[in-house]
Amino acid sequence: MDDTEVVGLEPGNRVRELREHKLMTQAQLARKAHVALRTIHSVEKGMNCRMDTKRKILLALGLRFEDRDLVFPPRKPLSFSLPH
């Protein structure tokens, strides 16, 4: 099973890539985003986070909230139908 199949993981967010491009450490991003270092670590590992946390991280990276799908790709819809 790969990481995208594990419940609670965000498939392929680009936080680490963008942070490293800006030559920031996880601690620097955490301070600038006003979140815990553990939060940045978890997000970069693919764990899900609240929309407000995504907003804080995006702004700390110099991006707009409207750019969220570029950094946090939307999840794929479930592939089964619920009974009517």
N, C-alpha and C. Protein backbone atom coordinates (compact mmCIF):
# COMPACT_ATOMS: atom_id res chain seq x y z
N MET A 1 0.86 -1.18 0.00
CA MET A 1 0.00 0.00 0.00
C MET A 1 0.90 1.24 0.00
N ASP A 2 0.65 2.19 -0.90
CA ASP A 2 1.44 3.42 -0.92
C ASP A 2 0.77 4.47 -0.04
N ASP A 3 1.46 5.60 0.19
CA ASP A 3 0.98 6.64 1.11
C ASP A 3 -0.36 7.24 0.71
N THR A 4 -0.69 7.25 -0.57
CA THR A 4 -1.94 7.87 -0.99
C THR A 4 -3.15 7.02 -0.64
N GLU A 5 -2.92 5.76 -0.25
CA GLU A 5 -4.02 4.89 0.11
C GLU A 5 -4.32 4.89 1.60
N VAL A 6 -3.48 5.50 2.39
CA VAL A 6 -3.66 5.51 3.84
C VAL A 6 -4.67 6.57 4.20
N VAL A 7 -5.65 6.20 5.01
CA VAL A 7 -6.69 7.14 5.42
C VAL A 7 -6.05 8.27 6.22
N GLY A 8 -6.47 9.51 5.94
CA GLY A 8 -5.96 10.66 6.68
C GLY A 8 -4.75 11.32 6.04
N LEU A 9 -4.28 10.80 4.92
CA LEU A 9 -3.13 11.40 4.27
C LEU A 9 -3.57 12.20 3.06
N GLU A 10 -2.92 13.32 2.87
CA GLU A 10 -3.16 14.17 1.71
C GLU A 10 -2.23 13.70 0.61
N PRO A 11 -2.74 13.29 -0.53
CA PRO A 11 -1.86 12.82 -1.59
C PRO A 11 -1.01 13.95 -2.17
N GLY A 12 0.28 13.84 -1.99
CA GLY A 12 1.22 14.71 -2.67
C GLY A 12 1.12 16.21 -2.47
N ASN A 13 1.01 16.71 -1.23
CA ASN A 13 1.06 18.17 -1.10
C ASN A 13 2.49 18.63 -1.36
N ARG A 14 2.65 19.91 -1.68
CA ARG A 14 3.95 20.43 -2.12
C ARG A 14 4.58 21.38 -1.09
N VAL A 15 4.19 21.27 0.18
CA VAL A 15 4.70 22.19 1.20
C VAL A 15 6.21 22.09 1.32
N ARG A 16 6.74 20.89 1.44
CA ARG A 16 8.19 20.74 1.60
C ARG A 16 8.94 21.33 0.40
N GLU A 17 8.48 21.00 -0.79
CA GLU A 17 9.11 21.50 -2.02
C GLU A 17 9.15 23.03 -2.03
N LEU A 18 8.03 23.66 -1.72
CA LEU A 18 7.97 25.13 -1.73
C LEU A 18 8.79 25.75 -0.60
N ARG A 19 8.76 25.12 0.57
CA ARG A 19 9.55 25.62 1.70
C ARG A 19 11.04 25.57 1.37
N GLU A 20 11.49 24.45 0.82
CA GLU A 20 12.91 24.32 0.47
C GLU A 20 13.30 25.28 -0.64
N HIS A 21 12.39 25.52 -1.59
CA HIS A 21 12.66 26.48 -2.67
C HIS A 21 12.90 27.87 -2.10
N LYS A 22 12.22 28.19 -1.00
CA LYS A 22 12.39 29.50 -0.35
C LYS A 22 13.51 29.48 0.69
N LEU A 23 14.24 28.36 0.74
CA LEU A 23 15.38 28.19 1.66
C LEU A 23 14.96 28.40 3.12
N MET A 24 13.79 27.88 3.48
CA MET A 24 13.28 27.99 4.85
C MET A 24 13.40 26.64 5.53
N THR A 25 13.66 26.67 6.83
CA THR A 25 13.61 25.45 7.62
C THR A 25 12.16 25.22 8.05
N GLN A 26 11.89 24.02 8.54
CA GLN A 26 10.55 23.74 9.06
C GLN A 26 10.23 24.69 10.22
N ALA A 27 11.23 24.95 11.07
CA ALA A 27 11.01 25.84 12.22
C ALA A 27 10.69 27.27 11.77
N GLN A 28 11.37 27.74 10.74
CA GLN A 28 11.10 29.09 10.23
C GLN A 28 9.68 29.17 9.66
N LEU A 29 9.27 28.15 8.91
CA LEU A 29 7.93 28.15 8.36
C LEU A 29 6.89 28.08 9.48
N ALA A 30 7.15 27.27 10.48
CA ALA A 30 6.21 27.16 11.61
C ALA A 30 6.05 28.50 12.31
N ARG A 31 7.16 29.19 12.58
CA ARG A 31 7.09 30.51 13.23
C ARG A 31 6.33 31.50 12.37
N LYS A 32 6.65 31.54 11.09
CA LYS A 32 6.01 32.50 10.20
C LYS A 32 4.52 32.21 10.02
N ALA A 33 4.13 30.92 10.05
CA ALA A 33 2.74 30.53 9.89
C ALA A 33 1.98 30.53 11.21
N HIS A 34 2.69 30.72 12.31
CA HIS A 34 2.08 30.70 13.65
C HIS A 34 1.42 29.36 13.93
N VAL A 35 2.14 28.28 13.59
CA VAL A 35 1.70 26.92 13.91
C VAL A 35 2.86 26.20 14.57
N ALA A 36 2.56 25.05 15.16
CA ALA A 36 3.61 24.27 15.82
C ALA A 36 4.53 23.62 14.79
N LEU A 37 5.78 23.45 15.16
CA LEU A 37 6.74 22.75 14.31
C LEU A 37 6.22 21.35 13.98
N ARG A 38 5.61 20.69 14.94
CA ARG A 38 5.04 19.37 14.73
C ARG A 38 3.99 19.39 13.61
N THR A 39 3.25 20.50 13.51
CA THR A 39 2.24 20.63 12.47
C THR A 39 2.89 20.63 11.09
N ILE A 40 3.95 21.42 10.93
CA ILE A 40 4.66 21.47 9.64
C ILE A 40 5.21 20.10 9.30
N HIS A 41 5.81 19.45 10.29
CA HIS A 41 6.37 18.12 10.06
C HIS A 41 5.27 17.16 9.58
N SER A 42 4.13 17.17 10.25
CA SER A 42 3.02 16.28 9.89
C SER A 42 2.47 16.58 8.51
N VAL A 43 2.31 17.87 8.20
CA VAL A 43 1.78 18.26 6.89
C VAL A 43 2.72 17.81 5.79
N GLU A 44 4.01 18.00 6.00
CA GLU A 44 4.99 17.58 4.98
C GLU A 44 5.03 16.07 4.82
N LYS A 45 4.66 15.33 5.84
CA LYS A 45 4.59 13.87 5.75
C LYS A 45 3.30 13.41 5.08
N GLY A 46 2.39 14.36 4.81
CA GLY A 46 1.16 14.02 4.11
C GLY A 46 -0.07 13.91 4.99
N MET A 47 0.06 14.19 6.28
CA MET A 47 -1.11 14.13 7.15
C MET A 47 -2.07 15.26 6.81
N ASN A 48 -3.33 15.00 7.01
CA ASN A 48 -4.37 15.99 6.75
C ASN A 48 -4.30 17.10 7.80
N CYS A 49 -4.76 18.28 7.45
CA CYS A 49 -4.81 19.38 8.42
C CYS A 49 -6.04 20.23 8.13
N ARG A 50 -6.36 21.10 9.08
CA ARG A 50 -7.53 21.95 8.94
C ARG A 50 -7.30 22.99 7.84
N MET A 51 -8.39 23.49 7.29
CA MET A 51 -8.32 24.51 6.23
C MET A 51 -7.61 25.76 6.74
N ASP A 52 -7.84 26.14 8.00
CA ASP A 52 -7.18 27.32 8.56
C ASP A 52 -5.67 27.13 8.61
N THR A 53 -5.22 25.92 8.92
CA THR A 53 -3.78 25.63 8.93
C THR A 53 -3.21 25.74 7.52
N LYS A 54 -3.94 25.23 6.55
CA LYS A 54 -3.50 25.36 5.15
C LYS A 54 -3.37 26.83 4.78
N ARG A 55 -4.35 27.64 5.19
CA ARG A 55 -4.32 29.07 4.89
C ARG A 55 -3.08 29.72 5.49
N LYS A 56 -2.78 29.41 6.74
CA LYS A 56 -1.61 29.99 7.42
C LYS A 56 -0.31 29.59 6.71
N ILE A 57 -0.21 28.34 6.31
CA ILE A 57 0.99 27.85 5.63
C ILE A 57 1.13 28.52 4.27
N LEU A 58 0.04 28.62 3.53
CA LEU A 58 0.08 29.27 2.22
C LEU A 58 0.55 30.72 2.34
N LEU A 59 -0.02 31.45 3.28
CA LEU A 59 0.36 32.85 3.46
C LEU A 59 1.82 32.97 3.88
N ALA A 60 2.27 32.07 4.75
CA ALA A 60 3.67 32.10 5.20
C ALA A 60 4.63 31.80 4.05
N LEU A 61 4.17 31.06 3.07
CA LEU A 61 4.99 30.76 1.89
C LEU A 61 4.88 31.85 0.83
N GLY A 62 4.11 32.89 1.12
CA GLY A 62 3.97 33.99 0.18
C GLY A 62 2.95 33.74 -0.91
N LEU A 63 2.05 32.79 -0.67
CA LEU A 63 1.02 32.45 -1.66
C LEU A 63 -0.34 32.96 -1.19
N ARG A 64 -1.29 32.94 -2.10
CA ARG A 64 -2.66 33.34 -1.76
C ARG A 64 -3.46 32.09 -1.43
N PHE A 65 -4.49 32.26 -0.63
CA PHE A 65 -5.35 31.13 -0.29
C PHE A 65 -5.96 30.52 -1.54
N GLU A 66 -6.18 31.35 -2.54
CA GLU A 66 -6.75 30.88 -3.81
C GLU A 66 -5.83 29.89 -4.53
N ASP A 67 -4.54 29.88 -4.15
CA ASP A 67 -3.56 28.98 -4.76
C ASP A 67 -3.50 27.63 -4.05
N ARG A 68 -4.43 27.38 -3.13
CA ARG A 68 -4.35 26.18 -2.29
C ARG A 68 -4.32 24.88 -3.08
N ASP A 69 -5.04 24.82 -4.21
CA ASP A 69 -5.06 23.57 -4.98
C ASP A 69 -3.71 23.27 -5.62
N LEU A 70 -2.87 24.27 -5.79
CA LEU A 70 -1.53 24.05 -6.33
C LEU A 70 -0.61 23.42 -5.30
N VAL A 71 -0.87 23.71 -4.02
CA VAL A 71 -0.03 23.21 -2.94
C VAL A 71 -0.66 21.97 -2.29
N PHE A 72 -1.97 22.02 -2.11
CA PHE A 72 -2.72 20.92 -1.50
C PHE A 72 -3.73 20.40 -2.52
N PRO A 73 -3.32 19.50 -3.41
CA PRO A 73 -4.25 19.02 -4.44
C PRO A 73 -5.52 18.45 -3.81
N PRO A 74 -6.67 18.70 -4.45
CA PRO A 74 -7.91 18.18 -3.90
C PRO A 74 -7.90 16.66 -3.88
N ARG A 75 -8.57 16.12 -2.89
CA ARG A 75 -8.67 14.66 -2.79
C ARG A 75 -9.54 14.12 -3.90
N LYS A 76 -9.25 12.92 -4.32
CA LYS A 76 -10.08 12.27 -5.32
C LYS A 76 -11.38 11.84 -4.66
N PRO A 77 -12.49 11.96 -5.38
CA PRO A 77 -13.75 11.50 -4.80
C PRO A 77 -13.74 9.99 -4.59
N LEU A 78 -14.52 9.55 -3.63
CA LEU A 78 -14.61 8.11 -3.37
C LEU A 78 -15.18 7.41 -4.59
N SER A 79 -14.74 6.19 -4.81
CA SER A 79 -15.13 5.49 -6.03
C SER A 79 -16.30 4.53 -5.83
N PHE A 80 -17.11 4.77 -4.82
CA PHE A 80 -18.29 3.93 -4.63
C PHE A 80 -19.51 4.82 -4.46
N SER A 81 -20.68 4.24 -4.68
CA SER A 81 -21.94 4.98 -4.55
C SER A 81 -22.62 4.61 -3.25
N LEU A 82 -23.18 5.61 -2.60
CA LEU A 82 -23.94 5.36 -1.39
C LEU A 82 -25.34 4.91 -1.77
N PRO A 83 -25.95 4.03 -0.98
CA PRO A 83 -27.32 3.59 -1.30
C PRO A 83 -28.29 4.74 -1.18
N HIS A 84 -29.33 4.73 -2.02
CA HIS A 84 -30.32 5.81 -2.02
C HIS A 84 -31.34 5.61 -0.95
